[in-house]
C-alpha atoms as a PDB file:
ATOM      1  CA  MET A   1      19.726  41.403 178.733  1.00  0.00           C
ATOM      2  CA  THR A   2      22.868  40.662 180.823  1.00  0.00           C
ATOM      3  CA  LYS A   3      24.624  37.315 181.523  1.00  0.00           C
ATOM      4  CA  ALA A   4      23.135  37.326 184.951  1.00  0.00           C
ATOM      5  CA  ASP A   5      19.618  37.709 183.324  1.00  0.00           C
ATOM      6  CA  ILE A   6      20.350  34.831 180.927  1.00  0.00           C
ATOM      7  CA  ILE A   7      21.526  32.664 183.886  1.00  0.00           C
ATOM      8  CA  ASN A   8      18.268  33.513 185.908  1.00  0.00           C
ATOM      9  CA  GLU A   9      15.990  32.851 182.873  1.00  0.00           C
ATOM     10  CA  VAL A  10      17.653  29.461 182.181  1.00  0.00           C
ATOM     11  CA  ALA A  11      17.582  28.399 185.846  1.00  0.00           C
ATOM     12  CA  ILE A  12      13.893  29.116 185.994  1.00  0.00           C
ATOM     13  CA  ALA A  13      13.098  27.395 182.711  1.00  0.00           C
ATOM     14  CA  THR A  14      15.150  24.286 183.493  1.00  0.00           C
ATOM     15  CA  GLY A  15      14.821  24.159 187.277  1.00  0.00           C
ATOM     16  CA  MET A  16      18.587  23.909 187.678  1.00  0.00           C
ATOM     17  CA  PRO A  17      20.471  25.775 190.373  1.00  0.00           C
ATOM     18  CA  LYS A  18      21.777  29.198 189.227  1.00  0.00           C
ATOM     19  CA  LYS A  19      25.431  28.155 190.043  1.00  0.00           C
ATOM     20  CA  GLU A  20      25.247  25.254 187.885  1.00  0.00           C
ATOM     21  CA  VAL A  21      23.598  27.223 185.034  1.00  0.00           C
ATOM     22  CA  GLY A  22      26.239  29.881 185.468  1.00  0.00           C
ATOM     23  CA  THR A  23      28.985  27.337 185.181  1.00  0.00           C
ATOM     24  CA  VAL A  24      27.391  26.071 181.982  1.00  0.00           C
ATOM     25  CA  VAL A  25      26.991  29.529 180.476  1.00  0.00           C
ATOM     26  CA  GLU A  26      30.579  30.370 181.302  1.00  0.00           C
ATOM     27  CA  ALA A  27      31.892  27.140 179.717  1.00  0.00           C
ATOM     28  CA  PHE A  28      29.727  27.720 176.525  1.00  0.00           C
ATOM     29  CA  MET A  29      31.262  31.273 176.219  1.00  0.00           C
ATOM     30  CA  GLU A  30      34.880  30.110 176.796  1.00  0.00           C
ATOM     31  CA  GLU A  31      34.503  27.331 174.213  1.00  0.00           C
ATOM     32  CA  VAL A  32      33.219  29.659 171.527  1.00  0.00           C
ATOM     33  CA  LYS A  33      36.073  32.063 172.235  1.00  0.00           C
ATOM     34  CA  LYS A  34      38.622  29.366 172.204  1.00  0.00           C
ATOM     35  CA  CYS A  35      37.323  27.985 168.973  1.00  0.00           C
ATOM     36  CA  LEU A  36      37.497  31.333 167.356  1.00  0.00           C
ATOM     37  CA  ILE A  37      40.744  32.529 168.800  1.00  0.00           C
ATOM     38  CA  GLU A  38      42.904  29.342 168.882  1.00  0.00           C
ATOM     39  CA  LYS A  39      41.539  27.195 166.340  1.00  0.00           C
ATOM     40  CA  LYS A  40      40.460  30.029 163.945  1.00  0.00           C
ATOM     41  CA  ASP A  41      37.321  28.006 163.308  1.00  0.00           C
ATOM     42  CA  ASN A  42      33.742  29.346 163.020  1.00  0.00           C
ATOM     43  CA  VAL A  43      30.957  28.096 165.357  1.00  0.00           C
ATOM     44  CA  TYR A  44      27.634  27.141 163.862  1.00  0.00           C
ATOM     45  CA  LEU A  45      24.491  26.762 165.971  1.00  0.00           C
ATOM     46  CA  ARG A  46      21.673  25.407 163.877  1.00  0.00           C
ATOM     47  CA  GLY A  47      18.442  27.569 164.176  1.00  0.00           C
ATOM     48  CA  PHE A  48      20.293  30.397 166.101  1.00  0.00           C
ATOM     49  CA  GLY A  49      23.310  31.693 163.995  1.00  0.00           C
ATOM     50  CA  SER A  50      27.022  31.434 163.490  1.00  0.00           C
ATOM     51  CA  PHE A  51      29.980  33.198 165.292  1.00  0.00           C
ATOM     52  CA  ASN A  52      32.523  33.855 162.395  1.00  0.00           C
ATOM     53  CA  ILE A  53      35.962  35.367 162.082  1.00  0.00           C
ATOM     54  CA  LYS A  54      36.137  38.466 159.781  1.00  0.00           C
ATOM     55  CA  HIS A  55      39.617  39.398 158.531  1.00  0.00           C
ATOM     56  CA  ARG A  56      40.312  43.029 158.045  1.00  0.00           C
ATOM     57  CA  ALA A  57      43.198  44.008 155.747  1.00  0.00           C
ATOM     58  CA  ALA A  58      45.818  46.446 156.580  1.00  0.00           C
ATOM     59  CA  LYS A  59      44.948  50.128 155.686  1.00  0.00           C
ATOM     60  CA  THR A  60      46.126  53.713 156.065  1.00  0.00           C
ATOM     61  CA  ALA A  61      44.243  56.252 158.045  1.00  0.00           C
ATOM     62  CA  ARG A  62      44.612  59.756 158.998  1.00  0.00           C
ATOM     63  CA  ASN A  63      44.891  61.193 162.477  1.00  0.00           C
ATOM     64  CA  ILE A  64      43.372  64.486 161.927  1.00  0.00           C
ATOM     65  CA  SER A  65      44.244  66.079 165.119  1.00  0.00           C
ATOM     66  CA  LYS A  66      47.955  65.654 164.574  1.00  0.00           C
ATOM     67  CA  ASN A  67      47.737  65.807 160.695  1.00  0.00           C
ATOM     68  CA  THR A  68      49.559  62.552 160.354  1.00  0.00           C
ATOM     69  CA  THR A  69      49.081  59.234 158.444  1.00  0.00           C
ATOM     70  CA  ILE A  70      48.862  56.027 160.469  1.00  0.00           C
ATOM     71  CA  THR A  71      48.895  52.493 159.410  1.00  0.00           C
ATOM     72  CA  ILE A  72      46.152  50.161 160.856  1.00  0.00           C
ATOM     73  CA  PRO A  73      47.648  46.524 160.779  1.00  0.00           C
ATOM     74  CA  ALA A  74      45.590  43.601 159.420  1.00  0.00           C
ATOM     75  CA  HIS A  75      43.495  41.915 162.087  1.00  0.00           C
ATOM     76  CA  ASP A  76      40.694  39.498 162.710  1.00  0.00           C
ATOM     77  CA  LEU A  77      37.438  40.352 164.433  1.00  0.00           C
ATOM     78  CA  PRO A  78      34.678  38.107 165.720  1.00  0.00           C
ATOM     79  CA  SER A  79      31.175  38.626 164.254  1.00  0.00           C
ATOM     80  CA  PHE A  80      27.778  37.071 164.623  1.00  0.00           C
ATOM     81  CA  LYS A  81      25.335  36.196 161.723  1.00  0.00           C
ATOM     82  CA  PRO A  82      21.927  35.131 162.774  1.00  0.00           C
ATOM     83  CA  SER A  83      20.297  32.152 160.974  1.00  0.00           C
ATOM     84  CA  LYS A  84      17.524  32.581 158.496  1.00  0.00           C
ATOM     85  CA  SER A  85      14.952  31.106 160.860  1.00  0.00           C
ATOM     86  CA  PHE A  86      16.118  33.550 163.537  1.00  0.00           C
ATOM     87  CA  ILE A  87      15.752  36.462 161.185  1.00  0.00           C
ATOM     88  CA  GLU A  88      12.069  35.392 160.154  1.00  0.00           C
ATOM     89  CA  GLU A  89      11.149  35.056 163.866  1.00  0.00           C
ATOM     90  CA  MET A  90      12.326  38.704 164.426  1.00  0.00           C
ATOM     91  CA  GLN A  91      10.482  39.932 161.530  1.00  0.00           C
ATOM     92  CA  ASN A  92       7.267  38.045 162.345  1.00  0.00           C
ATOM     93  CA  ALA A  93       7.359  39.424 166.005  1.00  0.00           C
ATOM     94  CA  GLN A  94       6.896  42.921 164.871  1.00  0.00           C
END
């Protein structure tokens, strides 16, 4: 499912125009990104899941094509963890 598909489905479910729904979806995604990137804060959506920041420590790795050692710097990555109720719904749907 793409963002356009989500916008279409929400527009059908709510009866709102697609343009307004698109604006809301874009604003939601920007707010989640801003919270994770700028504020370094997790986003919790009860009954759905949470968007978290995972920190990866610096490590050394091998470039086997050049036979050299490289250092990968420490960095943060976004991740999503579904809620327990979301997981149960997925398991019951099978």
